[in-house]
Amino acid sequence: SMNKPLILLLILLYSVMTQDFNARKKNEGYDSSKTIAEYLISYGYNFEEHKVPTPDGYILTLWRIPKKIGQKKIKRQPILLQHGVLDNSFSWLFKRIDHNFGTILVDEGYDVWLGNNRGTIHSLEHANSQDYNWKDIANQYWDFSFDQMGAIDFPAMIDYICDNTGYDKVMYAGHSQGAVQFFIKGISDPEYVNTHIHSFIAFAPVVYIQNPPGSVFHYLRDYPIIDSLY
């Protein structure tokens, strides 16, 4: 039978996901009947979708909002926004259009890119789809961790943005897990970060999970599943 820590973890994940879903449902800014492209275009923003292959075969999806419709095509400083755990790039866009961090940055003159990590709803593809089947939870497709997101996905997206904008350095903002990816690459390859990152913004960054407040985390912090995640 399930032990207490695992049950608490499932309750915690369910609570986070349902609260997030209900908050988005009540939001008056986003029309769920529209695709993200239709939503942004309806408010006057250009939208592009890009596919980024990784060295180990995963295919990541990048969303790009380069400028507002009708604005002159000029070089703008690129910035990559990277989502947190159990999330995707929509987290930067689901609020009222003038409250979204992604569109605010476009209004301020930035070339905005939004990343989606492997295994998220927008990045489920693999170059070898026969052997790497995301629909099978036991398949080798799912044999990855935050290490690969930091060591492989992070530079794959940064390199792609540099190649497609002509900029040598990208601004980077990571929320929670997104910040972890920066730390992983920065620790293992500081030269890459120094030569490719213009500046770094960390929202709710995570490094260790030994000391979080709350009784649920006290049960979870020594549970093996936490070691497999972090």
Protein backbone atom coordinates (compact mmCIF):
# COMPACT_ATOMS: atom_id res chain seq x y z
CA SER A 1 0.00 0.00 0.00
CA MET A 2 1.02 3.61 -0.48
CA ASN A 3 2.98 5.08 2.38
CA LYS A 4 2.24 8.43 3.96
CA PRO A 5 4.88 10.56 2.20
CA LEU A 6 3.77 9.44 -1.27
CA ILE A 7 0.12 10.11 -0.49
CA LEU A 8 1.05 13.59 0.75
CA LEU A 9 3.05 14.23 -2.40
CA LEU A 10 0.10 13.27 -4.60
CA ILE A 11 -2.22 15.52 -2.57
CA LEU A 12 0.26 18.39 -2.87
CA LEU A 13 0.60 17.99 -6.65
CA TYR A 14 -3.17 17.74 -7.08
CA SER A 15 -3.70 20.87 -4.99
CA VAL A 16 -1.14 22.88 -6.96
CA MET A 17 -2.46 21.77 -10.33
CA THR A 18 -6.15 22.31 -9.55
CA GLN A 19 -5.56 25.72 -7.98
CA ASP A 20 -3.56 26.74 -11.04
CA PHE A 21 -6.27 25.42 -13.39
CA ASN A 22 -9.08 27.19 -11.54
CA ALA A 23 -7.15 30.45 -11.48
CA ARG A 24 -6.63 30.26 -15.21
CA LYS A 25 -10.27 29.31 -15.82
CA LYS A 26 -11.49 32.42 -13.99
CA ASN A 27 -9.09 34.66 -15.86
CA GLU A 28 -10.95 37.08 -18.11
CA GLY A 29 -7.95 37.84 -20.31
CA TYR A 30 -7.40 34.50 -22.00
CA ASP A 31 -10.04 32.94 -24.25
CA SER A 32 -9.55 29.17 -23.96
CA SER A 33 -11.32 28.60 -27.27
CA LYS A 34 -8.35 30.22 -29.04
CA THR A 35 -4.91 28.82 -29.69
CA ILE A 36 -2.04 30.76 -28.16
CA ALA A 37 -1.23 32.13 -31.62
CA GLU A 38 -4.82 33.34 -32.14
CA TYR A 39 -4.89 34.85 -28.65
CA LEU A 40 -1.70 36.87 -29.13
CA ILE A 41 -2.51 37.94 -32.69
CA SER A 42 -5.94 39.14 -31.56
CA TYR A 43 -4.14 41.58 -29.23
CA GLY A 44 -1.75 42.75 -31.91
CA TYR A 45 1.32 40.60 -31.22
CA ASN A 46 3.32 38.61 -33.74
CA PHE A 47 3.73 34.93 -32.85
CA GLU A 48 6.10 32.23 -34.07
CA GLU A 49 6.60 28.59 -33.12
CA HIS A 50 10.06 27.03 -33.47
CA LYS A 51 11.26 23.43 -33.12
CA VAL A 52 14.65 22.90 -31.48
CA PRO A 53 16.37 19.49 -31.75
CA THR A 54 18.64 18.45 -28.89
CA PRO A 55 21.81 16.32 -29.28
CA ASP A 56 20.01 13.36 -27.65
CA GLY A 57 17.04 13.49 -30.01
CA TYR A 58 14.37 15.38 -28.09
CA ILE A 59 12.54 18.10 -30.01
CA LEU A 60 11.72 21.19 -27.96
CA THR A 61 9.16 23.83 -28.83
CA LEU A 62 10.03 27.50 -28.50
CA TRP A 63 7.41 30.21 -28.73
CA ARG A 64 8.53 33.61 -29.94
CA ILE A 65 6.87 37.01 -29.69
CA PRO A 66 9.32 39.18 -31.64
CA LYS A 67 7.29 42.41 -31.78
CA LYS A 68 3.83 43.89 -32.11
CA ILE A 69 2.10 43.66 -35.47
CA GLY A 70 2.92 46.67 -37.61
CA GLN A 71 6.10 47.60 -35.75
CA LYS A 72 9.30 48.01 -37.74
CA LYS A 73 11.49 44.93 -37.93
CA ILE A 74 14.55 45.97 -35.97
CA LYS A 75 17.05 44.05 -33.85
CA ARG A 76 15.79 43.64 -30.31
CA GLN A 77 17.58 42.12 -27.35
CA PRO A 78 16.37 38.49 -27.07
CA ILE A 79 15.23 37.14 -23.71
CA LEU A 80 14.31 33.54 -22.93
CA LEU A 81 11.64 32.88 -20.28
CA GLN A 82 11.80 29.37 -18.83
CA HIS A 83 8.92 27.85 -16.86
CA GLY A 84 8.93 25.93 -13.58
CA VAL A 85 8.19 22.30 -12.73
CA LEU A 86 4.83 20.81 -13.85
CA ASP A 87 4.34 23.83 -16.10
CA ASN A 88 5.00 25.11 -19.61
CA SER A 89 5.50 28.40 -21.44
CA PHE A 90 1.81 29.29 -21.16
CA SER A 91 2.52 30.28 -17.55
CA TRP A 92 4.02 33.55 -18.84
CA LEU A 93 0.91 34.43 -20.86
CA PHE A 94 -2.29 33.31 -19.11
CA LYS A 95 -3.13 36.53 -17.26
CA ARG A 96 -4.78 39.64 -18.66
CA ILE A 97 -2.79 40.73 -21.71
CA ASP A 98 -1.35 43.84 -20.02
CA HIS A 99 -0.38 41.80 -16.93
CA ASN A 100 1.57 39.05 -18.71
CA PHE A 101 5.32 39.20 -18.18
CA GLY A 102 5.89 37.97 -21.74
CA THR A 103 3.85 40.66 -23.46
CA ILE A 104 5.04 43.38 -21.07
CA LEU A 105 8.59 42.65 -22.20
CA VAL A 106 7.55 42.87 -25.86
CA ASP A 107 5.96 46.26 -25.14
CA GLU A 108 9.27 47.34 -23.61
CA GLY A 109 11.16 46.47 -26.79
CA TYR A 110 12.46 42.94 -26.17
CA ASP A 111 12.42 39.95 -28.52
CA VAL A 112 10.67 37.42 -26.26
CA TRP A 113 11.23 33.65 -26.46
CA LEU A 114 9.41 31.14 -24.26
CA GLY A 115 10.91 27.70 -23.68
CA ASN A 116 9.26 24.33 -23.14
CA ASN A 117 11.29 21.56 -21.52
CA ARG A 118 11.32 17.97 -22.72
CA GLY A 119 8.35 15.99 -21.44
CA THR A 120 6.01 18.99 -21.25
CA ILE A 121 2.82 19.14 -23.29
CA HIS A 122 4.42 21.27 -26.03
CA SER A 123 7.70 19.29 -26.23
CA LEU A 124 6.74 15.62 -26.46
CA GLU A 125 8.38 14.88 -29.81
CA HIS A 126 11.53 12.83 -30.33
CA ALA A 127 13.56 12.21 -33.48
CA ASN A 128 13.22 8.45 -32.85
CA SER A 129 9.51 8.28 -32.10
CA GLN A 130 9.37 4.50 -32.49
CA ASP A 131 11.80 3.77 -29.66
CA TYR A 132 11.07 6.91 -27.63
CA ASN A 133 7.33 6.82 -27.01
CA TRP A 134 6.11 9.43 -24.52
CA LYS A 135 2.72 7.70 -24.25
CA ASP A 136 4.32 4.78 -22.36
CA ILE A 137 5.33 5.97 -18.89
CA ALA A 138 7.85 3.11 -18.62
CA ASN A 139 9.49 3.96 -21.94
CA GLN A 140 13.08 5.21 -22.18
CA TYR A 141 11.67 8.52 -23.41
CA TRP A 142 11.14 9.44 -19.74
CA ASP A 143 14.67 8.49 -18.68
CA PHE A 144 15.82 12.04 -17.97
CA SER A 145 16.06 14.45 -15.07
CA PHE A 146 16.74 18.09 -14.32
CA ASP A 147 20.38 17.37 -15.20
CA GLN A 148 19.51 16.91 -18.88
CA MET A 149 17.25 19.97 -18.85
CA GLY A 150 20.17 22.07 -17.63
CA ALA A 151 23.05 20.44 -19.48
CA ILE A 152 21.26 19.80 -22.80
CA ASP A 153 17.93 21.65 -23.18
CA PHE A 154 19.19 24.96 -21.82
CA PRO A 155 22.12 25.39 -24.26
CA ALA A 156 20.09 23.96 -27.17
CA MET A 157 17.51 26.73 -26.76
CA ILE A 158 20.11 29.45 -26.15
CA ASP A 159 22.17 28.43 -29.21
CA TYR A 160 19.05 28.35 -31.37
CA ILE A 161 18.05 31.84 -30.28
CA CYS A 162 21.55 33.20 -30.92
CA ASP A 163 21.61 31.61 -34.38
CA ASN A 164 18.21 33.08 -35.28
CA THR A 165 18.67 36.60 -33.90
CA GLY A 166 22.31 37.39 -34.60
CA TYR A 167 22.95 38.12 -30.94
CA ASP A 168 25.88 36.52 -29.10
CA LYS A 169 24.19 36.75 -25.70
CA VAL A 170 20.63 36.11 -24.52
CA MET A 171 18.93 37.46 -21.40
CA TYR A 172 17.51 34.61 -19.34
CA ALA A 173 14.69 34.52 -16.77
CA GLY A 174 13.91 31.22 -15.06
CA HIS A 175 11.12 30.39 -12.65
CA SER A 176 11.93 27.70 -10.05
CA GLN A 177 13.01 24.72 -12.19
CA GLY A 178 13.90 27.16 -14.95
CA ALA A 179 16.41 28.76 -12.59
CA VAL A 180 17.75 25.31 -11.64
CA GLN A 181 18.59 24.71 -15.31
CA PHE A 182 20.75 27.83 -15.34
CA PHE A 183 22.54 26.75 -12.16
CA ILE A 184 23.22 23.27 -13.57
CA LYS A 185 24.80 24.65 -16.74
CA GLY A 186 26.61 27.39 -14.85
CA ILE A 187 28.24 24.92 -12.47
CA SER A 188 29.20 22.36 -15.12
CA ASP A 189 30.20 24.81 -17.86
CA PRO A 190 30.71 28.36 -16.55
CA GLU A 191 32.48 29.42 -19.74
CA TYR A 192 29.32 28.73 -21.75
CA VAL A 193 27.21 30.88 -19.44
CA ASN A 194 29.79 33.68 -19.49
CA THR A 195 29.86 33.78 -23.29
CA HIS A 196 26.15 33.22 -24.03
CA ILE A 197 24.14 34.83 -21.20
CA HIS A 198 23.69 38.60 -21.09
CA SER A 199 21.99 38.61 -17.67
CA PHE A 200 20.04 36.22 -15.45
CA ILE A 201 16.81 36.71 -13.49
CA ALA A 202 15.76 33.99 -11.01
CA PHE A 203 12.12 33.81 -9.87
CA ALA A 204 11.69 31.59 -6.78
CA PRO A 205 14.96 29.75 -7.47
CA VAL A 206 15.46 26.26 -6.05
CA VAL A 207 18.80 24.70 -5.15
CA TYR A 208 18.22 22.54 -2.04
CA ILE A 209 14.99 21.21 -0.56
CA GLN A 210 16.22 20.33 2.93
CA ASN A 211 14.86 23.39 4.72
CA PRO A 212 11.46 24.40 3.32
CA PRO A 213 8.75 25.38 5.81
CA GLY A 214 5.55 23.39 6.21
CA SER A 215 4.72 19.94 7.57
CA VAL A 216 4.18 18.40 4.13
CA PHE A 217 7.76 19.18 3.11
CA HIS A 218 9.02 17.75 6.39
CA TYR A 219 7.56 14.39 5.33
CA LEU A 220 8.78 14.71 1.75
CA ARG A 221 12.31 16.00 2.11
CA ASP A 222 13.82 12.58 2.92
CA TYR A 223 11.55 10.61 0.60
CA PRO A 224 13.41 8.92 -2.31
CA ILE A 225 11.22 10.56 -4.96
CA ILE A 226 12.63 13.94 -3.98
CA ASP A 227 16.15 12.68 -4.67
CA SER A 228 15.02 11.52 -8.09
CA LEU A 229 13.63 14.96 -8.89
CA TYR A 230 16.38 17.20 -7.54
